[in-house]
Every structure is written in structure tokens, then in C-alpha cells.
Amino acid sequence: MYARSLFPRDVFAELDRLQREMQQAFDTGPSIRGLTRGYPALNVGGTPTSVEIYAFAPGLDPATLDVQLEKGMLTLAGERKAPEVPEKATVHIGERFSGRFRRVVSLPDDVDPNAIEARYRDGVLHVSVRRKEEAQPRRIAIQ
């Protein structure tokens, strides 16, 4: 009977309440972008001959983008200007990201730092980094 007084009457209800409070503390709420970890949203993948990175950043001027590769780290940086709000207008919900951004992607050791291409088209920045020739698959002739 003494041990019962140390705990709330319904331990499971208390645990449920604590879990809800923790989830609310870390929940950023629903967003058009989903549960991305930063801006711009990235897709990173690979083929036998290259590593492909897609950054989804519509409405940017390609001149404001900065793509750098240093010591196996690919850095995508830039700035997205905030849209101008007309005078006497009120913004009720503003989910579109604006401001400076920077994303860093670690690349595998077998990429060639001299063979990198970047293109921006239709709001998507596509960066392709070729793998070194010796890292690419090759067919071995059987004797």
C-alpha cells in the first residue's frame, strides 16, 4: 500500500500525457514541404557511374546559387528573397521559405572532384558528380 502512494492513480494515463507533451514540444506542425530537414529539400542517389543530387528550390535566380566541392563535402548555398507584400495587405499564413540557406552533403570517396556538373532548370538544381574511372564497374574477360 505504501508503494501505491508513490505513483499517480493511473500510471498509463500519466505516461500518455507526458508523451503527448513531448511530441507537441518537438512537433513543427504540418507544412506544405512535409517533414524536410532543411531548405532546399534534397534527393541524393547514385548510379554505377555517378552520384546525383537534386535540390528542389523553385523561384531562385541561378546567379544567387553557390555550389562548392571541397574535401568530399558538397555545399549548396544561396538566398531566396522574401516576396513583397502589397501595402495594407495581411499575410495570414506564410510557409514559403525565404532567407539564406546552406546544405552540405558528404560524398563517397570514389567521386572525381574534377568531373562535376550543376544545372538549374524548372526550380530544380541538379548536381552530377562522376565516379573515378577505377571505381566504375567493368566487365572482366574470362580466359
Protein backbone atom coordinates (compact mmCIF):
# COMPACT_ATOMS: atom_id res chain seq x y z
CA MET A 1 0.00 0.00 0.00
CA TYR A 2 2.91 2.37 0.66
CA ALA A 3 4.33 1.79 -2.87
CA ARG A 4 0.96 2.73 -4.41
CA SER A 5 1.07 6.22 -2.96
CA LEU A 6 4.34 6.97 -4.83
CA PHE A 7 2.61 6.68 -8.21
CA PRO A 8 -0.36 8.51 -9.71
CA ARG A 9 -3.61 6.58 -9.72
CA ASP A 10 -3.34 5.78 -13.42
CA VAL A 11 0.29 5.36 -14.45
CA PHE A 12 -0.59 4.74 -18.10
CA ALA A 13 -2.67 7.91 -18.35
CA GLU A 14 0.23 9.90 -16.91
CA LEU A 15 2.67 8.32 -19.39
CA ASP A 16 0.28 9.10 -22.24
CA ARG A 17 0.06 12.73 -21.13
CA LEU A 18 3.84 13.04 -20.92
CA GLN A 19 4.24 11.51 -24.38
CA ARG A 20 1.73 13.99 -25.88
CA GLU A 21 3.52 16.93 -24.24
CA MET A 22 6.91 15.77 -25.56
CA GLN A 23 5.51 15.30 -29.06
CA GLN A 24 3.95 18.77 -29.04
CA ALA A 25 7.22 20.32 -27.86
CA PHE A 26 9.15 18.91 -30.82
CA ASP A 27 6.39 18.97 -33.43
CA THR A 28 6.78 21.71 -36.02
CA GLY A 29 3.26 21.25 -37.31
CA PRO A 30 2.03 20.42 -40.77
CA SER A 31 3.80 22.01 -43.71
CA ILE A 32 3.50 22.02 -47.46
CA ARG A 33 7.10 20.82 -47.61
CA GLY A 34 6.38 17.81 -45.37
CA LEU A 35 8.96 16.71 -42.85
CA THR A 36 12.08 18.01 -44.55
CA ARG A 37 15.23 18.62 -42.54
CA GLY A 38 16.09 21.89 -44.23
CA TYR A 39 15.78 24.03 -47.29
CA PRO A 40 16.03 23.16 -50.07
CA ALA A 41 14.64 19.64 -49.95
CA LEU A 42 17.17 17.16 -51.35
CA ASN A 43 17.13 13.85 -53.17
CA VAL A 44 20.54 12.15 -53.18
CA GLY A 45 21.20 8.96 -55.08
CA GLY A 46 23.75 7.19 -57.17
CA THR A 47 24.36 5.19 -60.28
CA PRO A 48 27.36 2.97 -61.02
CA THR A 49 29.00 5.93 -62.80
CA SER A 50 27.89 8.98 -60.78
CA VAL A 51 26.33 10.49 -57.66
CA GLU A 52 23.20 12.54 -58.37
CA ILE A 53 21.91 15.33 -56.13
CA TYR A 54 18.60 17.11 -56.74
CA ALA A 55 17.78 20.25 -54.74
CA PHE A 56 14.18 21.46 -55.03
CA ALA A 57 14.31 25.25 -54.86
CA PRO A 58 11.77 26.96 -57.12
CA GLY A 59 11.84 30.67 -57.77
CA LEU A 60 15.57 31.22 -57.35
CA ASP A 61 17.88 33.17 -59.61
CA PRO A 62 20.63 30.70 -60.66
CA ALA A 63 23.19 33.51 -60.24
CA THR A 64 22.48 33.53 -56.48
CA LEU A 65 23.32 29.82 -56.10
CA ASP A 66 26.74 28.70 -54.91
CA VAL A 67 27.85 25.08 -55.41
CA GLN A 68 31.23 24.02 -53.98
CA LEU A 69 33.01 20.71 -53.58
CA GLU A 70 35.80 20.56 -51.03
CA LYS A 71 37.33 17.51 -49.34
CA GLY A 72 34.40 15.28 -50.27
CA MET A 73 31.78 17.72 -48.99
CA LEU A 74 29.33 19.25 -51.47
CA THR A 75 27.93 22.59 -50.29
CA LEU A 76 24.79 24.15 -51.78
CA ALA A 77 24.19 27.72 -50.66
CA GLY A 78 22.19 30.73 -51.73
CA GLU A 79 19.46 33.13 -50.81
CA ARG A 80 15.77 33.30 -51.54
CA LYS A 81 14.26 36.76 -51.40
CA ALA A 82 11.04 37.24 -49.46
CA PRO A 83 8.06 38.07 -51.67
CA GLU A 84 6.91 41.66 -51.50
CA VAL A 85 3.63 42.14 -49.68
CA PRO A 86 1.42 44.91 -51.08
CA GLU A 87 0.68 47.85 -48.81
CA LYS A 88 -2.29 47.29 -46.49
CA ALA A 89 -2.15 43.55 -47.15
CA THR A 90 -2.06 40.99 -44.36
CA VAL A 91 -0.31 37.64 -44.57
CA HIS A 92 -2.20 35.08 -42.52
CA ILE A 93 -0.06 32.03 -43.30
CA GLY A 94 3.45 32.28 -44.75
CA GLU A 95 5.00 28.85 -45.27
CA ARG A 96 7.28 29.70 -48.17
CA PHE A 97 10.92 29.77 -47.08
CA SER A 98 12.87 32.99 -47.57
CA GLY A 99 16.35 33.93 -46.49
CA ARG A 100 19.83 32.46 -46.72
CA PHE A 101 20.27 28.70 -46.88
CA ARG A 102 23.12 26.20 -46.84
CA ARG A 103 23.01 22.43 -47.23
CA VAL A 104 26.05 20.15 -47.01
CA VAL A 105 26.19 16.62 -48.43
CA SER A 106 29.01 14.20 -47.72
CA LEU A 107 30.06 12.39 -50.90
CA PRO A 108 31.69 8.96 -51.16
CA ASP A 109 35.45 8.66 -51.57
CA ASP A 110 35.22 7.31 -55.12
CA VAL A 111 33.95 10.55 -56.76
CA ASP A 112 36.10 12.62 -59.11
CA PRO A 113 36.23 16.24 -57.85
CA ASN A 114 37.18 17.41 -61.36
CA ALA A 115 34.09 15.90 -63.00
CA ILE A 116 31.14 17.80 -61.56
CA GLU A 117 28.23 19.45 -63.37
CA ALA A 118 25.44 21.63 -61.99
CA ARG A 119 22.26 22.74 -63.80
CA TYR A 120 19.26 24.70 -62.59
CA ARG A 121 16.04 24.21 -64.51
CA ASP A 122 12.35 24.50 -63.61
CA GLY A 123 13.15 25.12 -59.94
CA VAL A 124 15.40 22.08 -59.55
CA LEU A 125 19.17 22.25 -59.09
CA HIS A 126 20.71 19.04 -60.44
CA VAL A 127 24.31 18.32 -59.45
CA SER A 128 26.03 15.31 -61.00
CA VAL A 129 29.42 14.12 -59.75
CA ARG A 130 31.10 11.37 -61.77
CA ARG A 131 32.79 8.49 -60.03
CA LYS A 132 36.50 7.86 -60.67
CA GLU A 133 37.23 5.61 -63.62
CA GLU A 134 38.78 2.91 -61.42
CA ALA A 135 35.68 2.84 -59.20
CA GLN A 136 33.27 2.18 -62.06
CA PRO A 137 32.12 -1.35 -62.76
CA ARG A 138 33.81 -3.09 -65.66
CA ARG A 139 33.44 -6.40 -67.37
CA ILE A 140 36.28 -8.85 -66.93
CA ALA A 141 37.03 -11.13 -69.86
CA ILE A 142 37.25 -14.81 -68.92
CA GLN A 143 40.20 -16.64 -70.47
